[in-house]
mmCIF file of all heavy atoms, coordinates in Angstrom:
data_MODEL
# 
_entry.id   MODEL 
# 
loop_
_atom_site.group_PDB 
_atom_site.id 
_atom_site.type_symbol 
_atom_site.label_atom_id 
_atom_site.label_alt_id 
_atom_site.label_comp_id 
_atom_site.label_asym_id 
_atom_site.label_entity_id 
_atom_site.label_seq_id 
_atom_site.pdbx_PDB_ins_code 
_atom_site.Cartn_x 
_atom_site.Cartn_y 
_atom_site.Cartn_z 
_atom_site.occupancy 
_atom_site.B_iso_or_equiv 
_atom_site.pdbx_formal_charge 
_atom_site.auth_seq_id 
_atom_site.auth_comp_id 
_atom_site.auth_asym_id 
_atom_site.auth_atom_id 
_atom_site.pdbx_PDB_model_num 
ATOM 1   N N   . LEU A 1 1  ? -18.235 3.787  6.164  1.00 0.00 ? 1  LEU A N   1 
ATOM 2   C CA  . LEU A 1 1  ? -16.791 3.988  6.170  1.00 0.00 ? 1  LEU A CA  1 
ATOM 3   C C   . LEU A 1 1  ? -16.154 3.382  7.415  1.00 0.00 ? 1  LEU A C   1 
ATOM 4   O O   . LEU A 1 1  ? -15.069 2.808  7.360  1.00 0.00 ? 1  LEU A O   1 
ATOM 5   C CB  . LEU A 1 1  ? -16.464 5.485  6.087  1.00 0.00 ? 1  LEU A CB  1 
ATOM 6   C CG  . LEU A 1 1  ? -16.812 6.172  4.763  1.00 0.00 ? 1  LEU A CG  1 
ATOM 7   C CD1 . LEU A 1 1  ? -16.506 7.655  4.831  1.00 0.00 ? 1  LEU A CD1 1 
ATOM 8   C CD2 . LEU A 1 1  ? -16.060 5.555  3.597  1.00 0.00 ? 1  LEU A CD2 1 
ATOM 9   N N   . ASP A 1 2  ? -16.845 3.523  8.520  1.00 0.00 ? 2  ASP A N   1 
ATOM 10  C CA  . ASP A 1 2  ? -16.368 2.926  9.762  1.00 0.00 ? 2  ASP A CA  1 
ATOM 11  C C   . ASP A 1 2  ? -16.272 1.408  9.617  1.00 0.00 ? 2  ASP A C   1 
ATOM 12  O O   . ASP A 1 2  ? -15.311 0.777  10.059 1.00 0.00 ? 2  ASP A O   1 
ATOM 13  C CB  . ASP A 1 2  ? -17.314 3.318  10.900 1.00 0.00 ? 2  ASP A CB  1 
ATOM 14  C CG  . ASP A 1 2  ? -16.771 2.922  12.256 1.00 0.00 ? 2  ASP A CG  1 
ATOM 15  O OD1 . ASP A 1 2  ? -15.547 2.949  12.425 1.00 0.00 ? 2  ASP A OD1 1 
ATOM 16  O OD2 . ASP A 1 2  ? -17.560 2.582  13.152 1.00 0.00 ? 2  ASP A OD2 1 
ATOM 17  N N   . HIS A 1 3  ? -17.301 0.833  8.998  1.00 0.00 ? 3  HIS A N   1 
ATOM 18  C CA  . HIS A 1 3  ? -17.334 -0.611 8.755  1.00 0.00 ? 3  HIS A CA  1 
ATOM 19  C C   . HIS A 1 3  ? -16.245 -1.017 7.759  1.00 0.00 ? 3  HIS A C   1 
ATOM 20  O O   . HIS A 1 3  ? -15.560 -2.025 7.939  1.00 0.00 ? 3  HIS A O   1 
ATOM 21  C CB  . HIS A 1 3  ? -18.713 -0.992 8.218  1.00 0.00 ? 3  HIS A CB  1 
ATOM 22  C CG  . HIS A 1 3  ? -18.933 -2.456 8.016  1.00 0.00 ? 3  HIS A CG  1 
ATOM 23  N ND1 . HIS A 1 3  ? -19.024 -3.350 9.061  1.00 0.00 ? 3  HIS A ND1 1 
ATOM 24  C CD2 . HIS A 1 3  ? -19.074 -3.197 6.884  1.00 0.00 ? 3  HIS A CD2 1 
ATOM 25  C CE1 . HIS A 1 3  ? -19.222 -4.569 8.582  1.00 0.00 ? 3  HIS A CE1 1 
ATOM 26  N NE2 . HIS A 1 3  ? -19.246 -4.504 7.270  1.00 0.00 ? 3  HIS A NE2 1 
ATOM 27  N N   . LEU A 1 4  ? -16.065 -0.211 6.720  1.00 0.00 ? 4  LEU A N   1 
ATOM 28  C CA  . LEU A 1 4  ? -15.112 -0.521 5.658  1.00 0.00 ? 4  LEU A CA  1 
ATOM 29  C C   . LEU A 1 4  ? -13.672 -0.400 6.129  1.00 0.00 ? 4  LEU A C   1 
ATOM 30  O O   . LEU A 1 4  ? -12.800 -1.127 5.662  1.00 0.00 ? 4  LEU A O   1 
ATOM 31  C CB  . LEU A 1 4  ? -15.362 0.415  4.471  1.00 0.00 ? 4  LEU A CB  1 
ATOM 32  C CG  . LEU A 1 4  ? -14.514 0.208  3.214  1.00 0.00 ? 4  LEU A CG  1 
ATOM 33  C CD1 . LEU A 1 4  ? -14.792 -1.165 2.618  1.00 0.00 ? 4  LEU A CD1 1 
ATOM 34  C CD2 . LEU A 1 4  ? -14.811 1.293  2.190  1.00 0.00 ? 4  LEU A CD2 1 
ATOM 35  N N   . SER A 1 5  ? -13.418 0.516  7.054  1.00 0.00 ? 5  SER A N   1 
ATOM 36  C CA  . SER A 1 5  ? -12.048 0.794  7.485  1.00 0.00 ? 5  SER A CA  1 
ATOM 37  C C   . SER A 1 5  ? -11.356 -0.438 8.059  1.00 0.00 ? 5  SER A C   1 
ATOM 38  O O   . SER A 1 5  ? -10.136 -0.550 7.995  1.00 0.00 ? 5  SER A O   1 
ATOM 39  C CB  . SER A 1 5  ? -12.030 1.930  8.511  1.00 0.00 ? 5  SER A CB  1 
ATOM 40  O OG  . SER A 1 5  ? -12.742 1.545  9.680  1.00 0.00 ? 5  SER A OG  1 
ATOM 41  N N   . THR A 1 6  ? -12.128 -1.355 8.610  1.00 0.00 ? 6  THR A N   1 
ATOM 42  C CA  . THR A 1 6  ? -11.538 -2.576 9.178  1.00 0.00 ? 6  THR A CA  1 
ATOM 43  C C   . THR A 1 6  ? -11.400 -3.671 8.130  1.00 0.00 ? 6  THR A C   1 
ATOM 44  O O   . THR A 1 6  ? -10.899 -4.753 8.436  1.00 0.00 ? 6  THR A O   1 
ATOM 45  C CB  . THR A 1 6  ? -12.401 -3.101 10.335 1.00 0.00 ? 6  THR A CB  1 
ATOM 46  O OG1 . THR A 1 6  ? -13.711 -3.406 9.851  1.00 0.00 ? 6  THR A OG1 1 
ATOM 47  C CG2 . THR A 1 6  ? -12.495 -2.072 11.448 1.00 0.00 ? 6  THR A CG2 1 
ATOM 48  N N   . ARG A 1 7  ? -11.867 -3.402 6.924  1.00 0.00 ? 7  ARG A N   1 
ATOM 49  C CA  . ARG A 1 7  ? -11.880 -4.430 5.884  1.00 0.00 ? 7  ARG A CA  1 
ATOM 50  C C   . ARG A 1 7  ? -10.987 -4.111 4.713  1.00 0.00 ? 7  ARG A C   1 
ATOM 51  O O   . ARG A 1 7  ? -11.087 -4.737 3.668  1.00 0.00 ? 7  ARG A O   1 
ATOM 52  C CB  . ARG A 1 7  ? -13.330 -4.665 5.419  1.00 0.00 ? 7  ARG A CB  1 
ATOM 53  C CG  . ARG A 1 7  ? -14.102 -5.512 6.426  1.00 0.00 ? 7  ARG A CG  1 
ATOM 54  C CD  . ARG A 1 7  ? -15.590 -5.351 6.329  1.00 0.00 ? 7  ARG A CD  1 
ATOM 55  N NE  . ARG A 1 7  ? -16.245 -6.388 7.125  1.00 0.00 ? 7  ARG A NE  1 
ATOM 56  C CZ  . ARG A 1 7  ? -16.362 -6.364 8.443  1.00 0.00 ? 7  ARG A CZ  1 
ATOM 57  N NH1 . ARG A 1 7  ? -15.867 -5.345 9.119  1.00 0.00 ? 7  ARG A NH1 1 
ATOM 58  N NH2 . ARG A 1 7  ? -16.970 -7.335 9.094  1.00 0.00 ? 7  ARG A NH2 1 
ATOM 59  N N   . LEU A 1 8  ? -10.130 -3.091 4.841  1.00 0.00 ? 8  LEU A N   1 
ATOM 60  C CA  . LEU A 1 8  ? -9.154  -2.810 3.806  1.00 0.00 ? 8  LEU A CA  1 
ATOM 61  C C   . LEU A 1 8  ? -8.067  -3.876 3.822  1.00 0.00 ? 8  LEU A C   1 
ATOM 62  O O   . LEU A 1 8  ? -7.516  -4.199 4.864  1.00 0.00 ? 8  LEU A O   1 
ATOM 63  C CB  . LEU A 1 8  ? -8.519  -1.433 4.027  1.00 0.00 ? 8  LEU A CB  1 
ATOM 64  C CG  . LEU A 1 8  ? -9.414  -0.219 3.780  1.00 0.00 ? 8  LEU A CG  1 
ATOM 65  C CD1 . LEU A 1 8  ? -8.671  1.044  4.127  1.00 0.00 ? 8  LEU A CD1 1 
ATOM 66  C CD2 . LEU A 1 8  ? -9.885  -0.174 2.344  1.00 0.00 ? 8  LEU A CD2 1 
ATOM 67  N N   . VAL A 1 9  ? -7.777  -4.419 2.681  1.00 0.00 ? 9  VAL A N   1 
ATOM 68  C CA  . VAL A 1 9  ? -6.764  -5.466 2.597  1.00 0.00 ? 9  VAL A CA  1 
ATOM 69  C C   . VAL A 1 9  ? -5.659  -5.036 1.652  1.00 0.00 ? 9  VAL A C   1 
ATOM 70  O O   . VAL A 1 9  ? -5.841  -4.177 0.783  1.00 0.00 ? 9  VAL A O   1 
ATOM 71  C CB  . VAL A 1 9  ? -7.371  -6.804 2.121  1.00 0.00 ? 9  VAL A CB  1 
ATOM 72  C CG1 . VAL A 1 9  ? -8.329  -7.338 3.145  1.00 0.00 ? 9  VAL A CG1 1 
ATOM 73  C CG2 . VAL A 1 9  ? -8.059  -6.645 0.770  1.00 0.00 ? 9  VAL A CG2 1 
ATOM 74  N N   . ARG A 1 10 ? -4.498  -5.670 1.794  1.00 0.00 ? 10 ARG A N   1 
ATOM 75  C CA  . ARG A 1 10 ? -3.357  -5.338 0.964  1.00 0.00 ? 10 ARG A CA  1 
ATOM 76  C C   . ARG A 1 10 ? -3.512  -5.986 -0.412 1.00 0.00 ? 10 ARG A C   1 
ATOM 77  O O   . ARG A 1 10 ? -3.018  -7.058 -0.696 1.00 0.00 ? 10 ARG A O   1 
ATOM 78  C CB  . ARG A 1 10 ? -2.071  -5.818 1.647  1.00 0.00 ? 10 ARG A CB  1 
ATOM 79  C CG  . ARG A 1 10 ? -0.818  -5.247 1.047  1.00 0.00 ? 10 ARG A CG  1 
ATOM 80  C CD  . ARG A 1 10 ? 0.395   -5.716 1.852  1.00 0.00 ? 10 ARG A CD  1 
ATOM 81  N NE  . ARG A 1 10 ? 0.390   -5.244 3.202  1.00 0.00 ? 10 ARG A NE  1 
ATOM 82  C CZ  . ARG A 1 10 ? 0.860   -4.059 3.579  1.00 0.00 ? 10 ARG A CZ  1 
ATOM 83  N NH1 . ARG A 1 10 ? 1.363   -3.237 2.684  1.00 0.00 ? 10 ARG A NH1 1 
ATOM 84  N NH2 . ARG A 1 10 ? 0.809   -3.692 4.841  1.00 0.00 ? 10 ARG A NH2 1 
ATOM 85  N N   . GLY A 1 11 ? -4.228  -5.311 -1.271 1.00 0.00 ? 11 GLY A N   1 
ATOM 86  C CA  . GLY A 1 11 ? -4.445  -5.851 -2.599 1.00 0.00 ? 11 GLY A CA  1 
ATOM 87  C C   . GLY A 1 11 ? -3.847  -5.005 -3.701 1.00 0.00 ? 11 GLY A C   1 
ATOM 88  O O   . GLY A 1 11 ? -4.169  -5.176 -4.868 1.00 0.00 ? 11 GLY A O   1 
ATOM 89  N N   . TRP A 1 12 ? -2.978  -4.077 -3.364 1.00 0.00 ? 12 TRP A N   1 
ATOM 90  C CA  . TRP A 1 12 ? -2.460  -3.108 -4.321 1.00 0.00 ? 12 TRP A CA  1 
ATOM 91  C C   . TRP A 1 12 ? -0.933  -3.154 -4.366 1.00 0.00 ? 12 TRP A C   1 
ATOM 92  O O   . TRP A 1 12 ? -0.274  -2.129 -4.551 1.00 0.00 ? 12 TRP A O   1 
ATOM 93  C CB  . TRP A 1 12 ? -2.901  -1.696 -3.932 1.00 0.00 ? 12 TRP A CB  1 
ATOM 94  C CG  . TRP A 1 12 ? -4.373  -1.506 -3.909 1.00 0.00 ? 12 TRP A CG  1 
ATOM 95  C CD1 . TRP A 1 12 ? -5.223  -1.868 -2.914 1.00 0.00 ? 12 TRP A CD1 1 
ATOM 96  C CD2 . TRP A 1 12 ? -5.184  -0.889 -4.910 1.00 0.00 ? 12 TRP A CD2 1 
ATOM 97  N NE1 . TRP A 1 12 ? -6.508  -1.529 -3.225 1.00 0.00 ? 12 TRP A NE1 1 
ATOM 98  C CE2 . TRP A 1 12 ? -6.519  -0.919 -4.442 1.00 0.00 ? 12 TRP A CE2 1 
ATOM 99  C CE3 . TRP A 1 12 ? -4.928  -0.314 -6.157 1.00 0.00 ? 12 TRP A CE3 1 
ATOM 100 C CZ2 . TRP A 1 12 ? -7.580  -0.405 -5.160 1.00 0.00 ? 12 TRP A CZ2 1 
ATOM 101 C CZ3 . TRP A 1 12 ? -5.981  0.203  -6.882 1.00 0.00 ? 12 TRP A CZ3 1 
ATOM 102 C CH2 . TRP A 1 12 ? -7.286  0.145  -6.390 1.00 0.00 ? 12 TRP A CH2 1 
ATOM 103 N N   . THR A 1 13 ? -0.339  -4.282 -4.229 1.00 0.00 ? 13 THR A N   1 
ATOM 104 C CA  . THR A 1 13 ? 1.117   -4.372 -4.107 1.00 0.00 ? 13 THR A CA  1 
ATOM 105 C C   . THR A 1 13 ? 1.835   -3.851 -5.351 1.00 0.00 ? 13 THR A C   1 
ATOM 106 O O   . THR A 1 13 ? 2.990   -3.429 -5.270 1.00 0.00 ? 13 THR A O   1 
ATOM 107 C CB  . THR A 1 13 ? 1.553   -5.823 -3.857 1.00 0.00 ? 13 THR A CB  1 
ATOM 108 O OG1 . THR A 1 13 ? 0.962   -6.666 -4.843 1.00 0.00 ? 13 THR A OG1 1 
ATOM 109 C CG2 . THR A 1 13 ? 1.112   -6.272 -2.471 1.00 0.00 ? 13 THR A CG2 1 
ATOM 110 N N   . HIS A 1 14 ? 1.154   -3.870 -6.491 1.00 0.00 ? 14 HIS A N   1 
ATOM 111 C CA  . HIS A 1 14 ? 1.802   -3.358 -7.701 1.00 0.00 ? 14 HIS A CA  1 
ATOM 112 C C   . HIS A 1 14 ? 2.000   -1.849 -7.651 1.00 0.00 ? 14 HIS A C   1 
ATOM 113 O O   . HIS A 1 14 ? 2.746   -1.290 -8.451 1.00 0.00 ? 14 HIS A O   1 
ATOM 114 C CB  . HIS A 1 14 ? 0.974   -3.736 -8.941 1.00 0.00 ? 14 HIS A CB  1 
ATOM 115 C CG  . HIS A 1 14 ? -0.389  -3.113 -8.994 1.00 0.00 ? 14 HIS A CG  1 
ATOM 116 N ND1 . HIS A 1 14 ? -1.379  -3.474 -8.122 1.00 0.00 ? 14 HIS A ND1 1 
ATOM 117 C CD2 . HIS A 1 14 ? -0.910  -2.139 -9.792 1.00 0.00 ? 14 HIS A CD2 1 
ATOM 118 C CE1 . HIS A 1 14 ? -2.468  -2.771 -8.398 1.00 0.00 ? 14 HIS A CE1 1 
ATOM 119 N NE2 . HIS A 1 14 ? -2.211  -1.952 -9.388 1.00 0.00 ? 14 HIS A NE2 1 
ATOM 120 N N   . LEU A 1 15 ? 1.312   -1.191 -6.739 1.00 0.00 ? 15 LEU A N   1 
ATOM 121 C CA  . LEU A 1 15 ? 1.446   0.252  -6.598 1.00 0.00 ? 15 LEU A CA  1 
ATOM 122 C C   . LEU A 1 15 ? 2.296   0.639  -5.394 1.00 0.00 ? 15 LEU A C   1 
ATOM 123 O O   . LEU A 1 15 ? 2.377   1.812  -5.047 1.00 0.00 ? 15 LEU A O   1 
ATOM 124 C CB  . LEU A 1 15 ? 0.061   0.905  -6.475 1.00 0.00 ? 15 LEU A CB  1 
ATOM 125 C CG  . LEU A 1 15 ? -0.851  0.809  -7.693 1.00 0.00 ? 15 LEU A CG  1 
ATOM 126 C CD1 . LEU A 1 15 ? -2.212  1.374  -7.366 1.00 0.00 ? 15 LEU A CD1 1 
ATOM 127 C CD2 . LEU A 1 15 ? -0.243  1.549  -8.876 1.00 0.00 ? 15 LEU A CD2 1 
ATOM 128 N N   . GLU A 1 16 ? 2.910   -0.356 -4.756 1.00 0.00 ? 16 GLU A N   1 
ATOM 129 C CA  . GLU A 1 16 ? 3.656   -0.069 -3.551 1.00 0.00 ? 16 GLU A CA  1 
ATOM 130 C C   . GLU A 1 16 ? 4.845   0.816  -3.856 1.00 0.00 ? 16 GLU A C   1 
ATOM 131 O O   . GLU A 1 16 ? 5.573   0.622  -4.845 1.00 0.00 ? 16 GLU A O   1 
ATOM 132 C CB  . GLU A 1 16 ? 4.110   -1.384 -2.917 1.00 0.00 ? 16 GLU A CB  1 
ATOM 133 C CG  . GLU A 1 16 ? 4.608   -1.231 -1.498 1.00 0.00 ? 16 GLU A CG  1 
ATOM 134 C CD  . GLU A 1 16 ? 4.766   -2.585 -0.817 1.00 0.00 ? 16 GLU A CD  1 
ATOM 135 O OE1 . GLU A 1 16 ? 3.826   -3.372 -0.852 1.00 0.00 ? 16 GLU A OE1 1 
ATOM 136 O OE2 . GLU A 1 16 ? 5.832   -2.826 -0.287 1.00 0.00 ? 16 GLU A OE2 1 
ATOM 137 N N   . ARG A 1 17 ? 5.095   1.818  -3.006 1.00 0.00 ? 17 ARG A N   1 
ATOM 138 C CA  . ARG A 1 17 ? 6.170   2.774  -3.244 1.00 0.00 ? 17 ARG A CA  1 
ATOM 139 C C   . ARG A 1 17 ? 7.155   2.804  -2.094 1.00 0.00 ? 17 ARG A C   1 
ATOM 140 O O   . ARG A 1 17 ? 7.776   3.820  -1.839 1.00 0.00 ? 17 ARG A O   1 
ATOM 141 C CB  . ARG A 1 17 ? 5.589   4.172  -3.477 1.00 0.00 ? 17 ARG A CB  1 
ATOM 142 C CG  . ARG A 1 17 ? 4.803   4.269  -4.777 1.00 0.00 ? 17 ARG A CG  1 
ATOM 143 C CD  . ARG A 1 17 ? 4.465   5.691  -5.128 1.00 0.00 ? 17 ARG A CD  1 
ATOM 144 N NE  . ARG A 1 17 ? 3.390   6.192  -4.276 1.00 0.00 ? 17 ARG A NE  1 
ATOM 145 C CZ  . ARG A 1 17 ? 3.526   7.145  -3.385 1.00 0.00 ? 17 ARG A CZ  1 
ATOM 146 N NH1 . ARG A 1 17 ? 4.700   7.670  -3.143 1.00 0.00 ? 17 ARG A NH1 1 
ATOM 147 N NH2 . ARG A 1 17 ? 2.489   7.575  -2.673 1.00 0.00 ? 17 ARG A NH2 1 
ATOM 148 N N   . GLN A 1 18 ? 7.299   1.670  -1.397 1.00 0.00 ? 18 GLN A N   1 
ATOM 149 C CA  . GLN A 1 18 ? 8.255   1.628  -0.302 1.00 0.00 ? 18 GLN A CA  1 
ATOM 150 C C   . GLN A 1 18 ? 9.472   0.764  -0.628 1.00 0.00 ? 18 GLN A C   1 
ATOM 151 O O   . GLN A 1 18 ? 10.119  0.237  0.234  1.00 0.00 ? 18 GLN A O   1 
ATOM 152 C CB  . GLN A 1 18 ? 7.571   1.121  0.969  1.00 0.00 ? 18 GLN A CB  1 
ATOM 153 C CG  . GLN A 1 18 ? 6.637   2.146  1.582  1.00 0.00 ? 18 GLN A CG  1 
ATOM 154 C CD  . GLN A 1 18 ? 6.108   1.714  2.919  1.00 0.00 ? 18 GLN A CD  1 
ATOM 155 O OE1 . GLN A 1 18 ? 6.014   0.528  3.201  1.00 0.00 ? 18 GLN A OE1 1 
ATOM 156 N NE2 . GLN A 1 18 ? 5.745   2.669  3.755  1.00 0.00 ? 18 GLN A NE2 1 
ATOM 157 N N   . LYS A 1 19 ? 9.761   0.593  -1.903 1.00 0.00 ? 19 LYS A N   1 
ATOM 158 C CA  . LYS A 1 19 ? 10.920  -0.180 -2.320 1.00 0.00 ? 19 LYS A CA  1 
ATOM 159 C C   . LYS A 1 19 ? 12.178  0.662  -2.174 1.00 0.00 ? 19 LYS A C   1 
ATOM 160 O O   . LYS A 1 19 ? 12.129  1.883  -2.243 1.00 0.00 ? 19 LYS A O   1 
ATOM 161 C CB  . LYS A 1 19 ? 10.755  -0.627 -3.769 1.00 0.00 ? 19 LYS A CB  1 
ATOM 162 C CG  . LYS A 1 19 ? 9.434   -1.351 -4.070 1.00 0.00 ? 19 LYS A CG  1 
ATOM 163 C CD  . LYS A 1 19 ? 9.633   -2.779 -4.155 1.00 0.00 ? 19 LYS A CD  1 
ATOM 164 C CE  . LYS A 1 19 ? 8.480   -3.548 -4.733 1.00 0.00 ? 19 LYS A CE  1 
ATOM 165 N NZ  . LYS A 1 19 ? 7.408   -3.764 -4.100 1.00 0.00 ? 19 LYS A NZ  1 
ATOM 166 N N   . GLY A 1 20 ? 13.284  0.029  -2.018 1.00 0.00 ? 20 GLY A N   1 
ATOM 167 C CA  . GLY A 1 20 ? 14.551  0.733  -1.973 1.00 0.00 ? 20 GLY A CA  1 
ATOM 168 C C   . GLY A 1 20 ? 15.097  0.975  -3.371 1.00 0.00 ? 20 GLY A C   1 
ATOM 169 O O   . GLY A 1 20 ? 14.447  0.732  -4.372 1.00 0.00 ? 20 GLY A O   1 
ATOM 170 N N   . GLY A 1 21 ? 16.317  1.516  -3.449 1.00 0.00 ? 21 GLY A N   1 
ATOM 171 C CA  . GLY A 1 21 ? 16.936  1.736  -4.741 1.00 0.00 ? 21 GLY A CA  1 
ATOM 172 C C   . GLY A 1 21 ? 17.214  3.195  -5.000 1.00 0.00 ? 21 GLY A C   1 
ATOM 173 O O   . GLY A 1 21 ? 16.666  4.083  -4.354 1.00 0.00 ? 21 GLY A O   1 
ATOM 174 N N   . ILE A 1 22 ? 18.078  3.435  -5.975 1.00 0.00 ? 22 ILE A N   1 
ATOM 175 C CA  . ILE A 1 22 ? 18.464  4.807  -6.309 1.00 0.00 ? 22 ILE A CA  1 
ATOM 176 C C   . ILE A 1 22 ? 17.262  5.588  -6.801 1.00 0.00 ? 22 ILE A C   1 
ATOM 177 O O   . ILE A 1 22 ? 16.567  5.164  -7.721 1.00 0.00 ? 22 ILE A O   1 
ATOM 178 C CB  . ILE A 1 22 ? 19.598  4.799  -7.366 1.00 0.00 ? 22 ILE A CB  1 
ATOM 179 C CG1 . ILE A 1 22 ? 20.849  4.136  -6.795 1.00 0.00 ? 22 ILE A CG1 1 
ATOM 180 C CG2 . ILE A 1 22 ? 19.934  6.230  -7.813 1.00 0.00 ? 22 ILE A CG2 1 
ATOM 181 C CD1 . ILE A 1 22 ? 21.933  3.896  -7.807 1.00 0.00 ? 22 ILE A CD1 1 
ATOM 182 N N   . GLY A 1 23 ? 17.086  6.733  -6.193 1.00 0.00 ? 23 GLY A N   1 
ATOM 183 C CA  . GLY A 1 23 ? 15.974  7.600  -6.595 1.00 0.00 ? 23 GLY A CA  1 
ATOM 184 C C   . GLY A 1 23 ? 14.640  7.223  -5.998 1.00 0.00 ? 23 GLY A C   1 
ATOM 185 O O   . GLY A 1 23 ? 13.646  7.914  -6.205 1.00 0.00 ? 23 GLY A O   1 
ATOM 186 N N   . LEU A 1 24 ? 14.605  6.079  -5.290 1.00 0.00 ? 24 LEU A N   1 
ATOM 187 C CA  . LEU A 1 24 ? 13.338  5.608  -4.728 1.00 0.00 ? 24 LEU A CA  1 
ATOM 188 C C   . LEU A 1 24 ? 13.375  5.549  -3.202 1.00 0.00 ? 24 LEU A C   1 
ATOM 189 O O   . LEU A 1 24 ? 12.386  5.183  -2.586 1.00 0.00 ? 24 LEU A O   1 
ATOM 190 C CB  . LEU A 1 24 ? 12.994  4.212  -5.267 1.00 0.00 ? 24 LEU A CB  1 
ATOM 191 C CG  . LEU A 1 24 ? 12.699  4.132  -6.761 1.00 0.00 ? 24 LEU A CG  1 
ATOM 192 C CD1 . LEU A 1 24 ? 12.519  2.686  -7.190 1.00 0.00 ? 24 LEU A CD1 1 
ATOM 193 C CD2 . LEU A 1 24 ? 11.444  4.933  -7.107 1.00 0.00 ? 24 LEU A CD2 1 
ATOM 194 N N   . ARG A 1 25 ? 14.524  5.878  -2.623 1.00 0.00 ? 25 ARG A N   1 
ATOM 195 C CA  . ARG A 1 25 ? 14.622  5.842  -1.168 1.00 0.00 ? 25 ARG A CA  1 
ATOM 196 C C   . ARG A 1 25 ? 13.862  7.017  -0.570 1.00 0.00 ? 25 ARG A C   1 
ATOM 197 O O   . ARG A 1 25 ? 13.641  8.028  -1.216 1.00 0.00 ? 25 ARG A O   1 
ATOM 198 C CB  . ARG A 1 25 ? 16.082  5.880  -0.723 1.00 0.00 ? 25 ARG A CB  1 
ATOM 199 C CG  . ARG A 1 25 ? 16.871  4.640  -1.104 1.00 0.00 ? 25 ARG A CG  1 
ATOM 200 C CD  . ARG A 1 25 ? 18.260  4.683  -0.489 1.00 0.00 ? 25 ARG A CD  1 
ATOM 201 N NE  . ARG A 1 25 ? 19.046  3.508  -0.894 1.00 0.00 ? 25 ARG A NE  1 
ATOM 202 C CZ  . ARG A 1 25 ? 19.836  3.456  -1.944 1.00 0.00 ? 25 ARG A CZ  1 
ATOM 203 N NH1 . ARG A 1 25 ? 19.960  4.534  -2.699 1.00 0.00 ? 25 ARG A NH1 1 
ATOM 204 N NH2 . ARG A 1 25 ? 20.496  2.345  -2.244 1.00 0.00 ? 25 ARG A NH2 1 
# 
């Protein structure tokens, strides 16, 4: 896990929940 923690990459953009908009702020 220690080794893996440095190797997480942003490969899940379809699940991102930091978009703006009504009801999503």
